Amino acid sequence: MDAEEVSRSWNGLRVCVAGLGVSGRAAARVLAGRGARVTVVDARDGEEQRGHAAELEERGVAVRLGDGESLPAGTELVVTSPGWRPDVPLLAAAAAAGIEIIGEVELAWRLRGPGAAPWLAVTGTDGKTTVVRMLACMLTAAGRKALAVGNVGTPVVEAVAGPGEQYDVLAVELSSYQLHWSGSLAPEAAAVLNVAPDHLDWHGSMDAYVGAKGKIYARCGVAVYNADDDTSAALAEGAERRAGFTLRVPRPGELGVVEDLLVDRAFTGDPANRAEELAALADVRPYAPHNVANALAAAALARAFGVPAEAVREGLRSFVPDPHRIQHVADVAGVAYVNDSKATQPHAAAASLAAYESVVWIAGGLLKGLDVDDLVRSCAGRLRGAVLMGRDRGRIAEALARHAPDVPVVDVPDTDTGAMDRVVSEASALARPGDTVLLAPVGASFDMFANYPARGDAFIAAVERLAGAAGRGDAPGDPR
C-alpha cells in the first residue's frame, strides 16, 4: 500500500479514541490529520483534560469528557489507551457490536507507509526501558538515526506518522497492555526479556499475561529470548529464527559472558561459531547481574539489525541510565545508599537485592496481590535488616518472620511528608560499613506517593539530608 492509499483508507472513518492520555491524544491528532472523524472520550473532566480537549478540538476532533462508558453512535473503530481493561463498558459494548478494538501501537503499525523504519521491539516484566535506551545508543553509535519509542516516552504513532524527522530504525518498548491490543505487528527483531507475575488484575490470569507478552514473537524476523528464563525461552520456541542471551558462557546461537567479556556466538557469521567480543563487563553501567542481561538483550537486537561489535561497546559506554533504577545516591559513613524505586514487584526487587552482598532493605507499598514469600526466601541470607513502610508492609513483615526470623525489622507506619526521613534514619541505624541501604520497594507507590519517581526523589532527598548531617558531625537523633 503506497502513502496515498494509506491516507485514503482512513478518510471519513468514524473512530472512537478511548482515553485522553499521551497515547490517546497522539492517536487522535494523527487520525484527524488522515481525515478520520475522531471522537475522544474520557471519564475525567478536570482542568487538565479540558485544556487537552481544547487543543484537539482546534484540529477538528470531537471530545467528550465526563463519560468514558458510552460508545459514540456510528463508531466503526475503537483505538484504546493501553490502561483501559477489556471489560470496561465502552470496550465491552464495542466488542459485543463486532467493532474492532486496537491500541495506539497497532494503529501506528497500520499507518506505516512505504519505506517505513523497521522496528526492534522489546517487552518483559522488567528491564524494558533500560534495554530500548541501550539499544538506541548502540544503533546511534552505528550511524543509524534511531529513536526509543513506545512505553518509554514518545508515542509510537507520533514517531511513525506524526510531523517530524524520519528515522532509520525504531527501538520500541511494548507493555503487555499494548501487546494485548495489537494483532499484526511484525518487528524485524523482538525480545521477551523475562516473565514474572505482574498486572494479573488487568489480564485476569498468568496465562493471559504470558500470552500477551508472547504476541511480540508472532511475526518477528528474529526472536531474541532469555536463555536463563524458562518462559521467555518457551515463548520463542516456535520462531523460525531465534537467538538467546545468557549470563553463562554462551552456546552456539547465544550471546553471553566469558570471564569479564560480553561475547556473541549468534550473529558472527563464523561457520565455526567462535565467539566475538562485544564489550567488557566494566562497560555496563550501573553494574548488576540483571543489567548485564539487559546489555546482552540490547546487543542481540542490535546485532540482529547488523550493528558491528564496536558500536555495541560504544553504545554501552555512552548509555546514561535512567534515574530510580539501581541508582547510587551517596556513600555515608562507609554505607552505600541505592535508589531502585522502579522495583515495584517481586521479580524486579529480587534482581536488585541479588546485586549486593549485605543489604538493609527498604520495602513496602502496594503489592497488587503479588506474593513475596519466594522473594524473601531467596534474599534472606543477604539481609542485615529491613525497614518497612506503606500499606502492605505487614505482608512483607510476615514473610520476613517466616523466612528470615533473625533479621531485625523496623516498622514505620508514618505516611506524612517526613516519613522517608524516618525510614532512612532507621536504615542508617541498622547498617554497618560495607553494607548497602537499598530502596527496592517491591510494591507500587500510590499509597504514599504520586508515582515511583516521587518515591525515589523522596529517598534521594532524605539520603542527602543524612549525608549533610554526617558531614557536619550532627548526630542523626533517635527517630522513634
Protein backbone atom coordinates (compact mmCIF):
# COMPACT_ATOMS: atom_id res chain seq x y z
CA MET A 1 0.00 0.00 0.00
CA ASP A 2 1.52 3.35 -1.01
CA ALA A 3 1.28 6.56 1.04
CA GLU A 4 -1.80 7.79 -0.83
CA GLU A 5 -3.66 4.51 -0.24
CA VAL A 6 -2.72 4.57 3.47
CA SER A 7 -4.15 8.07 3.83
CA ARG A 8 -7.28 7.27 1.81
CA SER A 9 -8.11 4.21 3.95
CA TRP A 10 -8.68 6.44 6.99
CA ASN A 11 -10.54 9.30 5.31
CA GLY A 12 -14.05 9.64 6.77
CA LEU A 13 -13.67 6.63 9.09
CA ARG A 14 -15.55 7.19 12.36
CA VAL A 15 -13.07 6.40 15.13
CA CYS A 16 -13.55 6.49 18.89
CA VAL A 17 -10.32 7.08 20.81
CA ALA A 18 -10.70 5.84 24.39
CA GLY A 19 -8.62 7.94 26.76
CA LEU A 20 -7.18 11.44 26.71
CA GLY A 21 -3.69 10.43 27.84
CA VAL A 22 -0.46 10.87 25.91
CA SER A 23 -1.04 7.98 23.50
CA GLY A 24 -4.74 8.82 23.05
CA ARG A 25 -4.01 12.42 22.14
CA ALA A 26 -1.27 11.36 19.72
CA ALA A 27 -3.61 8.86 18.04
CA ALA A 28 -6.38 11.46 17.74
CA ARG A 29 -4.05 14.04 16.17
CA VAL A 30 -2.66 11.61 13.61
CA LEU A 31 -6.07 10.18 12.69
CA ALA A 32 -7.60 13.62 12.27
CA GLY A 33 -4.68 14.52 10.03
CA ARG A 34 -5.57 11.49 7.86
CA GLY A 35 -9.17 12.66 7.50
CA ALA A 36 -10.80 10.36 10.07
CA ARG A 37 -13.84 11.57 12.03
CA VAL A 38 -12.49 11.24 15.56
CA THR A 39 -14.27 11.37 18.91
CA VAL A 40 -12.16 11.12 22.07
CA VAL A 41 -13.89 10.01 25.27
CA ASP A 42 -12.60 10.21 28.83
CA ALA A 43 -14.36 9.80 32.17
CA ARG A 44 -12.31 12.61 33.69
CA ASP A 45 -13.37 16.25 33.40
CA GLY A 46 -10.70 18.32 35.13
CA GLU A 47 -8.80 21.42 34.15
CA GLU A 48 -6.02 19.38 32.55
CA GLN A 49 -8.47 17.36 30.45
CA ARG A 50 -10.32 20.49 29.33
CA GLY A 51 -7.03 22.01 28.19
CA HIS A 52 -6.19 18.92 26.13
CA ALA A 53 -9.73 18.87 24.73
CA ALA A 54 -9.45 22.47 23.53
CA GLU A 55 -6.21 21.68 21.69
CA LEU A 56 -7.77 18.69 19.94
CA GLU A 57 -11.00 20.49 19.09
CA GLU A 58 -8.96 23.08 17.18
CA ARG A 59 -7.86 20.16 14.96
CA GLY A 60 -11.43 19.08 14.30
CA VAL A 61 -11.54 16.31 16.92
CA ALA A 62 -14.71 15.93 18.99
CA VAL A 63 -14.03 15.40 22.70
CA ARG A 64 -16.49 14.04 25.25
CA LEU A 65 -15.42 14.46 28.89
CA GLY A 66 -17.06 13.05 31.99
CA ASP A 67 -18.37 9.94 30.21
CA GLY A 68 -15.99 7.11 29.47
CA GLU A 69 -18.64 4.40 29.28
CA SER A 70 -20.88 5.18 26.30
CA LEU A 71 -19.77 4.24 22.81
CA PRO A 72 -20.33 7.15 20.37
CA ALA A 73 -23.04 6.41 17.80
CA GLY A 74 -21.76 5.24 14.43
CA THR A 75 -18.31 4.19 15.67
CA GLU A 76 -16.50 1.98 13.14
CA LEU A 77 -13.20 1.51 15.00
CA VAL A 78 -12.05 1.95 18.61
CA VAL A 79 -8.47 2.94 19.42
CA THR A 80 -7.98 2.37 23.12
CA SER A 81 -5.37 3.69 25.50
CA PRO A 82 -3.34 0.82 26.98
CA GLY A 83 -4.60 1.21 30.53
CA TRP A 84 -8.26 0.54 29.64
CA ARG A 85 -9.18 -3.01 30.63
CA PRO A 86 -11.11 -5.12 28.10
CA ASP A 87 -14.09 -5.38 30.44
CA VAL A 88 -14.81 -1.64 30.80
CA PRO A 89 -18.31 -0.84 29.48
CA LEU A 90 -17.24 1.08 26.36
CA LEU A 91 -14.87 -1.64 25.14
CA ALA A 92 -17.29 -4.40 26.10
CA ALA A 93 -20.03 -2.66 24.10
CA ALA A 94 -17.73 -2.31 21.08
CA ALA A 95 -16.77 -5.98 21.25
CA ALA A 96 -20.42 -7.04 21.55
CA ALA A 97 -21.26 -4.95 18.48
CA GLY A 98 -18.44 -6.51 16.45
CA ILE A 99 -16.49 -3.25 16.27
CA GLU A 100 -12.74 -3.76 16.04
CA ILE A 101 -10.67 -2.55 19.01
CA ILE A 102 -6.97 -1.82 18.59
CA GLY A 103 -4.34 0.06 20.55
CA GLU A 104 -2.17 3.02 19.60
CA VAL A 105 0.75 0.68 18.78
CA GLU A 106 -1.33 -1.39 16.36
CA LEU A 107 -2.60 1.86 14.83
CA ALA A 108 0.98 3.01 14.33
CA TRP A 109 1.86 -0.23 12.58
CA ARG A 110 -1.10 0.09 10.21
CA LEU A 111 -0.21 3.71 9.43
CA ARG A 112 3.31 2.86 8.29
CA GLY A 113 3.90 3.87 4.72
CA PRO A 114 6.37 2.55 2.14
CA GLY A 115 9.97 2.67 3.28
CA ALA A 116 8.94 2.98 6.93
CA ALA A 117 11.58 2.44 9.59
CA PRO A 118 11.81 -1.16 10.81
CA TRP A 119 11.01 -1.90 14.46
CA LEU A 120 13.19 -3.63 17.04
CA ALA A 121 10.69 -4.43 19.78
CA VAL A 122 11.16 -5.18 23.46
CA THR A 123 8.83 -6.48 26.14
CA GLY A 124 9.26 -8.22 29.50
CA THR A 125 8.27 -7.82 33.11
CA ASP A 126 11.42 -5.86 33.95
CA GLY A 127 14.17 -4.02 32.10
CA LYS A 128 12.25 -2.81 29.03
CA THR A 129 13.13 0.87 29.29
CA THR A 130 16.79 0.20 30.02
CA VAL A 131 17.09 -2.18 27.06
CA VAL A 132 15.46 0.12 24.49
CA ARG A 133 17.62 3.02 25.62
CA MET A 134 20.77 0.89 25.45
CA LEU A 135 19.65 -0.34 22.04
CA ALA A 136 19.07 3.19 20.77
CA CYS A 137 22.60 4.14 21.89
CA MET A 138 24.08 1.15 20.02
CA LEU A 139 22.13 1.96 16.86
CA THR A 140 23.20 5.61 17.04
CA ALA A 141 26.82 4.56 17.57
CA ALA A 142 26.50 2.52 14.35
CA GLY A 143 25.46 5.67 12.47
CA ARG A 144 21.74 4.87 12.31
CA LYS A 145 19.14 7.55 13.00
CA ALA A 146 17.29 5.81 15.82
CA LEU A 147 14.69 6.67 18.44
CA ALA A 148 13.44 4.87 21.55
CA VAL A 149 9.63 4.96 21.49
CA GLY A 150 6.50 3.33 22.88
CA ASN A 151 6.00 2.77 26.58
CA VAL A 152 9.32 4.57 27.09
CA GLY A 153 8.07 8.05 26.14
CA THR A 154 7.34 9.18 22.57
CA PRO A 155 4.14 7.50 21.35
CA VAL A 156 4.86 5.11 18.50
CA VAL A 157 2.13 6.59 16.32
CA GLU A 158 3.76 10.01 16.60
CA ALA A 159 7.17 8.65 15.55
CA VAL A 160 5.65 6.74 12.64
CA ALA A 161 3.03 9.10 11.27
CA GLY A 162 3.33 12.45 13.02
CA PRO A 163 5.22 15.50 11.85
CA GLY A 164 8.97 15.49 12.38
CA GLU A 165 12.11 13.81 11.14
CA GLN A 166 12.14 10.31 9.74
CA TYR A 167 14.19 7.54 11.35
CA ASP A 168 16.20 4.59 10.05
CA VAL A 169 15.02 2.31 12.86
CA LEU A 170 12.81 2.45 15.97
CA ALA A 171 13.58 0.80 19.31
CA VAL A 172 10.07 0.08 20.57
CA GLU A 173 9.19 -0.65 24.19
CA LEU A 174 5.91 -2.57 24.49
CA SER A 175 3.91 -3.32 27.61
CA SER A 176 1.63 -6.33 27.97
CA TYR A 177 -1.34 -3.93 27.70
CA GLN A 178 -0.12 -2.60 24.37
CA LEU A 179 0.55 -6.09 23.04
CA HIS A 180 -2.93 -7.25 24.10
CA TRP A 181 -4.45 -4.70 21.71
CA SER A 182 -2.02 -5.47 18.84
CA GLY A 183 -2.54 -8.11 16.18
CA SER A 184 -0.38 -7.52 13.12
CA LEU A 185 3.00 -6.23 14.38
CA ALA A 186 5.95 -7.69 12.51
CA PRO A 187 9.15 -6.27 14.01
CA GLU A 188 12.47 -7.09 12.39
CA ALA A 189 13.62 -8.48 15.74
CA ALA A 190 11.85 -8.78 19.07
CA ALA A 191 12.79 -9.71 22.63
CA VAL A 192 10.94 -11.01 25.68
CA LEU A 193 13.42 -10.17 28.44
CA ASN A 194 11.81 -12.10 31.30
CA VAL A 195 8.35 -13.02 32.57
CA ALA A 196 7.18 -12.93 36.20
CA PRO A 197 3.73 -12.34 37.73
CA ASP A 198 2.57 -8.75 37.22
CA HIS A 199 -0.58 -6.91 36.10
CA LEU A 200 -2.66 -10.02 36.81
CA ASP A 201 -5.54 -7.80 37.93
CA TRP A 202 -5.66 -6.39 34.37
CA HIS A 203 -5.11 -9.60 32.41
CA GLY A 204 -7.13 -11.86 34.69
CA SER A 205 -4.62 -14.73 34.81
CA MET A 206 -0.94 -15.54 34.45
CA ASP A 207 -1.66 -17.44 31.24
CA ALA A 208 -3.28 -14.36 29.70
CA TYR A 209 -0.35 -12.17 30.79
CA VAL A 210 2.18 -14.60 29.29
CA GLY A 211 0.10 -14.85 26.12
CA ALA A 212 0.14 -11.08 25.69
CA LYS A 213 3.92 -10.99 26.03
CA GLY A 214 4.31 -13.83 23.52
CA LYS A 215 2.43 -11.91 20.81
CA ILE A 216 5.62 -9.94 20.17
CA TYR A 217 7.13 -13.06 18.54
CA ALA A 218 4.15 -13.90 16.29
CA ARG A 219 5.51 -12.27 13.11
CA CYS A 220 9.02 -11.14 14.05
CA GLY A 221 12.09 -11.76 11.94
CA VAL A 222 14.43 -12.80 14.79
CA ALA A 223 13.14 -13.86 18.23
CA VAL A 224 15.60 -12.80 20.93
CA TYR A 225 14.96 -14.77 24.13
CA ASN A 226 16.40 -15.05 27.62
CA ALA A 227 18.01 -18.48 27.85
CA ASP A 228 18.03 -18.11 31.66
CA ASP A 229 14.24 -17.57 31.79
CA ASP A 230 12.15 -20.64 31.06
CA THR A 231 9.06 -18.70 29.98
CA SER A 232 10.93 -16.42 27.60
CA ALA A 233 12.70 -19.41 26.05
CA ALA A 234 9.45 -21.37 25.70
CA LEU A 235 7.66 -18.45 24.01
CA ALA A 236 10.41 -18.25 21.37
CA GLU A 237 10.46 -21.97 20.56
CA GLY A 238 8.20 -21.66 17.52
CA ALA A 239 10.19 -18.86 15.90
CA GLU A 240 11.89 -19.60 12.61
CA ARG A 241 14.98 -17.60 13.60
CA ARG A 242 15.97 -17.06 17.20
CA ALA A 243 18.93 -16.03 19.33
CA GLY A 244 19.37 -16.38 23.08
CA PHE A 245 21.19 -14.36 25.69
CA THR A 246 22.56 -15.72 28.95
CA LEU A 247 24.71 -14.73 31.91
CA ARG A 248 26.59 -18.01 31.41
CA VAL A 249 29.16 -18.95 28.79
CA PRO A 250 27.09 -18.89 25.57
CA ARG A 251 26.36 -21.88 23.38
CA PRO A 252 26.19 -21.50 19.57
CA GLY A 253 23.27 -19.20 18.76
CA GLU A 254 23.61 -17.23 22.00
CA LEU A 255 25.21 -14.11 23.43
CA GLY A 256 26.71 -14.43 26.89
CA VAL A 257 29.58 -13.83 29.29
CA VAL A 258 33.11 -15.26 29.16
CA GLU A 259 35.22 -14.16 32.12
CA ASP A 260 34.88 -10.37 32.07
CA LEU A 261 33.62 -10.04 28.49
CA LEU A 262 30.25 -9.89 26.72
CA VAL A 263 30.52 -12.08 23.64
CA ASP A 264 28.42 -13.09 20.62
CA ARG A 265 28.05 -16.61 19.21
CA ALA A 266 24.83 -15.91 17.29
CA PHE A 267 25.49 -13.19 14.72
CA THR A 268 29.19 -13.52 13.91
CA GLY A 269 28.83 -15.25 10.54
CA ASP A 270 31.68 -17.54 11.61
CA PRO A 271 30.94 -21.13 10.46
CA ALA A 272 32.89 -22.41 13.48
CA ASN A 273 30.68 -20.39 15.88
CA ARG A 274 33.69 -18.80 17.54
CA ALA A 275 32.80 -16.04 19.99
CA GLU A 276 33.22 -12.41 19.01
CA GLU A 277 33.99 -9.91 21.76
CA LEU A 278 31.39 -7.15 22.08
CA ALA A 279 32.21 -5.29 25.28
CA ALA A 280 33.58 -5.65 28.79
CA LEU A 281 31.53 -6.07 31.96
CA ALA A 282 33.04 -2.74 33.03
CA ASP A 283 31.20 -1.10 30.11
CA VAL A 284 27.82 -1.98 31.70
CA ARG A 285 26.61 0.82 33.97
CA PRO A 286 25.36 0.51 36.61
CA TYR A 287 26.85 -2.92 37.10
CA ALA A 288 24.47 -5.59 38.38
CA PRO A 289 23.75 -9.07 37.03
CA HIS A 290 20.31 -8.16 35.73
CA ASN A 291 21.75 -5.09 34.00
CA VAL A 292 24.34 -7.28 32.26
CA ALA A 293 21.38 -9.32 30.98
CA ASN A 294 19.80 -6.07 29.76
CA ALA A 295 23.00 -5.18 27.90
CA LEU A 296 23.13 -8.62 26.27
CA ALA A 297 19.48 -8.36 25.16
CA ALA A 298 20.09 -4.93 23.63
CA ALA A 299 23.23 -6.24 21.94
CA ALA A 300 21.35 -9.21 20.48
CA LEU A 301 18.70 -6.93 18.96
CA ALA A 302 21.38 -4.59 17.63
CA ARG A 303 23.36 -7.46 16.13
CA ALA A 304 20.19 -8.85 14.51
CA PHE A 305 19.98 -5.48 12.76
CA GLY A 306 23.61 -5.67 11.60
CA VAL A 307 25.26 -3.41 14.18
CA PRO A 308 29.03 -4.08 14.40
CA ALA A 309 30.69 -5.15 17.65
CA GLU A 310 32.49 -1.85 18.17
CA ALA A 311 29.19 0.06 18.06
CA VAL A 312 27.77 -2.23 20.77
CA ARG A 313 30.67 -1.31 23.03
CA GLU A 314 30.46 2.40 22.16
CA GLY A 315 26.70 2.37 22.74
CA LEU A 316 27.06 0.85 26.20
CA ARG A 317 29.71 3.38 27.13
CA SER A 318 27.52 6.30 26.01
CA PHE A 319 24.37 5.00 27.71
CA VAL A 320 23.14 7.16 30.61
CA PRO A 321 20.94 5.14 33.00
CA ASP A 322 17.51 6.48 33.83
CA PRO A 323 17.02 7.59 37.45
CA HIS A 324 15.38 5.35 40.06
CA ARG A 325 16.95 2.18 38.65
CA ILE A 326 19.73 0.85 40.94
CA GLN A 327 20.88 4.46 41.20
CA HIS A 328 23.77 5.06 43.57
CA VAL A 329 22.86 8.13 45.62
CA ALA A 330 25.69 8.56 48.14
CA ASP A 331 28.12 6.85 50.50
CA VAL A 332 27.65 7.90 54.11
CA ALA A 333 29.96 6.58 56.86
CA GLY A 334 31.03 3.67 54.67
CA VAL A 335 27.45 2.69 53.75
CA ALA A 336 26.17 2.89 50.16
CA TYR A 337 22.64 4.22 49.58
CA VAL A 338 20.96 2.96 46.39
CA ASN A 339 17.63 4.05 44.91
CA ASP A 340 15.73 1.37 42.95
CA SER A 341 12.25 2.82 43.40
CA LYS A 342 11.35 1.32 40.00
CA ALA A 343 11.48 -2.17 41.58
CA THR A 344 7.72 -2.30 42.05
CA GLN A 345 7.17 -6.08 42.06
CA PRO A 346 8.98 -9.18 43.40
CA HIS A 347 10.90 -10.08 40.24
CA ALA A 348 12.46 -6.62 39.99
CA ALA A 349 13.22 -6.43 43.71
CA ALA A 350 14.88 -9.87 43.63
CA ALA A 351 17.20 -8.77 40.83
CA SER A 352 18.08 -5.62 42.74
CA LEU A 353 18.75 -7.42 46.02
CA ALA A 354 20.92 -10.00 44.24
CA ALA A 355 23.34 -7.26 43.20
CA TYR A 356 24.54 -6.58 46.78
CA GLU A 357 26.12 -8.81 49.42
CA SER A 358 24.84 -7.21 52.63
CA VAL A 359 21.67 -5.14 52.48
CA VAL A 360 19.45 -3.07 54.70
CA TRP A 361 16.27 -3.37 52.68
CA ILE A 362 13.69 -0.57 52.48
CA ALA A 363 10.46 -2.09 51.21
CA GLY A 364 6.70 -1.60 51.15
CA GLY A 365 3.85 -0.05 49.21
CA LEU A 366 1.02 -1.69 47.28
CA LEU A 367 1.72 -5.34 46.48
CA LYS A 368 -1.19 -5.62 44.00
CA GLY A 369 -1.98 -9.12 45.23
CA LEU A 370 1.51 -10.47 44.45
CA ASP A 371 3.20 -12.96 46.77
CA VAL A 372 6.56 -12.06 48.36
CA ASP A 373 7.47 -15.34 50.10
CA ASP A 374 9.78 -16.60 47.33
CA LEU A 375 11.48 -13.21 47.17
CA VAL A 376 12.16 -13.07 50.92
CA ARG A 377 13.29 -16.69 51.00
CA SER A 378 15.78 -16.07 48.17
CA CYS A 379 17.32 -12.92 49.66
CA ALA A 380 17.23 -13.77 53.39
CA GLY A 381 20.95 -14.51 53.56
CA ARG A 382 21.81 -11.04 52.25
CA LEU A 383 19.75 -9.03 54.70
CA ARG A 384 21.38 -7.05 57.51
CA GLY A 385 17.96 -5.63 58.35
CA ALA A 386 14.72 -4.33 56.86
CA VAL A 387 12.76 -1.12 57.23
CA LEU A 388 9.15 -1.38 56.11
CA MET A 389 6.74 1.35 55.04
CA GLY A 390 3.50 1.69 53.12
CA ARG A 391 0.12 -0.01 53.18
CA ASP A 392 1.17 -3.63 52.60
CA ARG A 393 4.26 -3.59 54.82
CA GLY A 394 2.57 -6.09 57.16
CA ARG A 395 2.60 -8.78 54.47
CA ILE A 396 6.34 -8.27 53.94
CA ALA A 397 6.89 -8.41 57.71
CA GLU A 398 5.03 -11.73 57.85
CA ALA A 399 7.21 -13.16 55.07
CA LEU A 400 10.34 -11.98 56.87
CA ALA A 401 9.17 -13.60 60.09
CA ARG A 402 8.69 -16.90 58.25
CA HIS A 403 11.85 -16.97 56.16
CA ALA A 404 14.32 -14.57 57.86
CA PRO A 405 13.35 -14.65 61.56
CA ASP A 406 16.77 -13.41 62.75
CA VAL A 407 16.74 -10.30 60.55
CA PRO A 408 15.86 -7.15 62.53
CA VAL A 409 12.78 -5.43 61.12
CA VAL A 410 11.67 -1.85 61.78
CA ASP A 411 8.07 -0.90 61.01
CA VAL A 412 7.46 2.73 60.03
CA PRO A 413 3.69 3.37 59.91
CA ASP A 414 4.06 7.08 59.08
CA THR A 415 2.58 8.40 55.85
CA ASP A 416 3.28 12.13 56.22
CA THR A 417 5.85 14.07 54.21
CA GLY A 418 8.61 13.29 56.72
CA ALA A 419 8.11 9.53 56.56
CA MET A 420 11.04 8.87 54.22
CA ASP A 421 13.44 10.74 56.53
CA ARG A 422 12.42 8.42 59.35
CA VAL A 423 12.78 5.39 57.10
CA VAL A 424 16.29 6.40 56.00
CA SER A 425 17.32 7.21 59.55
CA GLU A 426 16.15 3.81 60.76
CA ALA A 427 18.02 2.12 57.91
CA SER A 428 21.17 4.07 58.77
CA ALA A 429 20.96 2.84 62.37
CA LEU A 430 20.84 -0.78 61.18
CA ALA A 431 23.64 -0.51 58.61
CA ARG A 432 27.33 -1.18 59.11
CA PRO A 433 30.30 -0.05 56.96
CA GLY A 434 30.31 -2.07 53.74
CA ASP A 435 26.52 -2.50 53.72
CA THR A 436 24.09 -1.16 51.14
CA VAL A 437 20.88 0.58 52.14
CA LEU A 438 18.64 -0.34 49.22
CA LEU A 439 15.26 1.11 48.35
CA ALA A 440 13.74 -1.77 46.36
CA PRO A 441 10.13 -1.39 47.49
CA VAL A 442 8.58 -4.48 45.81
CA GLY A 443 5.29 -2.56 45.82
CA ALA A 444 3.68 0.24 43.85
CA SER A 445 3.97 3.74 45.27
CA PHE A 446 0.43 5.08 45.06
CA ASP A 447 -0.44 4.56 48.73
CA MET A 448 2.02 7.33 49.74
CA PHE A 449 3.44 8.97 46.60
CA ALA A 450 2.22 10.19 43.22
CA ASN A 451 4.41 7.63 41.43
CA TYR A 452 7.67 5.71 41.75
CA PRO A 453 9.84 8.71 40.70
CA ALA A 454 8.30 10.78 43.52
CA ARG A 455 9.13 7.99 45.98
CA GLY A 456 12.69 7.79 44.63
CA ASP A 457 13.09 11.57 44.83
CA ALA A 458 11.96 11.48 48.48
CA PHE A 459 14.57 8.81 49.20
CA ILE A 460 17.32 10.80 47.46
CA ALA A 461 16.41 13.95 49.40
CA ALA A 462 16.39 12.06 52.70
CA VAL A 463 19.80 10.50 51.98
CA GLU A 464 21.22 13.89 51.05
CA ARG A 465 19.97 15.31 54.35
CA LEU A 466 21.55 12.38 56.18
CA ALA A 467 24.83 12.94 54.35
CA GLY A 468 24.71 16.65 55.18
CA ALA A 469 24.17 15.92 58.85
CA ALA A 470 27.03 13.39 58.83
CA GLY A 471 29.31 15.95 57.17
CA ARG A 472 28.54 18.46 59.90
CA GLY A 473 29.09 15.84 62.55
CA ASP A 474 25.50 16.04 63.71
CA ALA A 475 24.04 13.02 65.44
CA PRO A 476 21.08 11.71 63.45
CA GLY A 477 18.99 11.52 66.59
CA ASP A 478 16.51 8.88 67.59
CA PRO A 479 13.71 8.83 65.01
CA ARG A 480 11.36 6.91 67.28
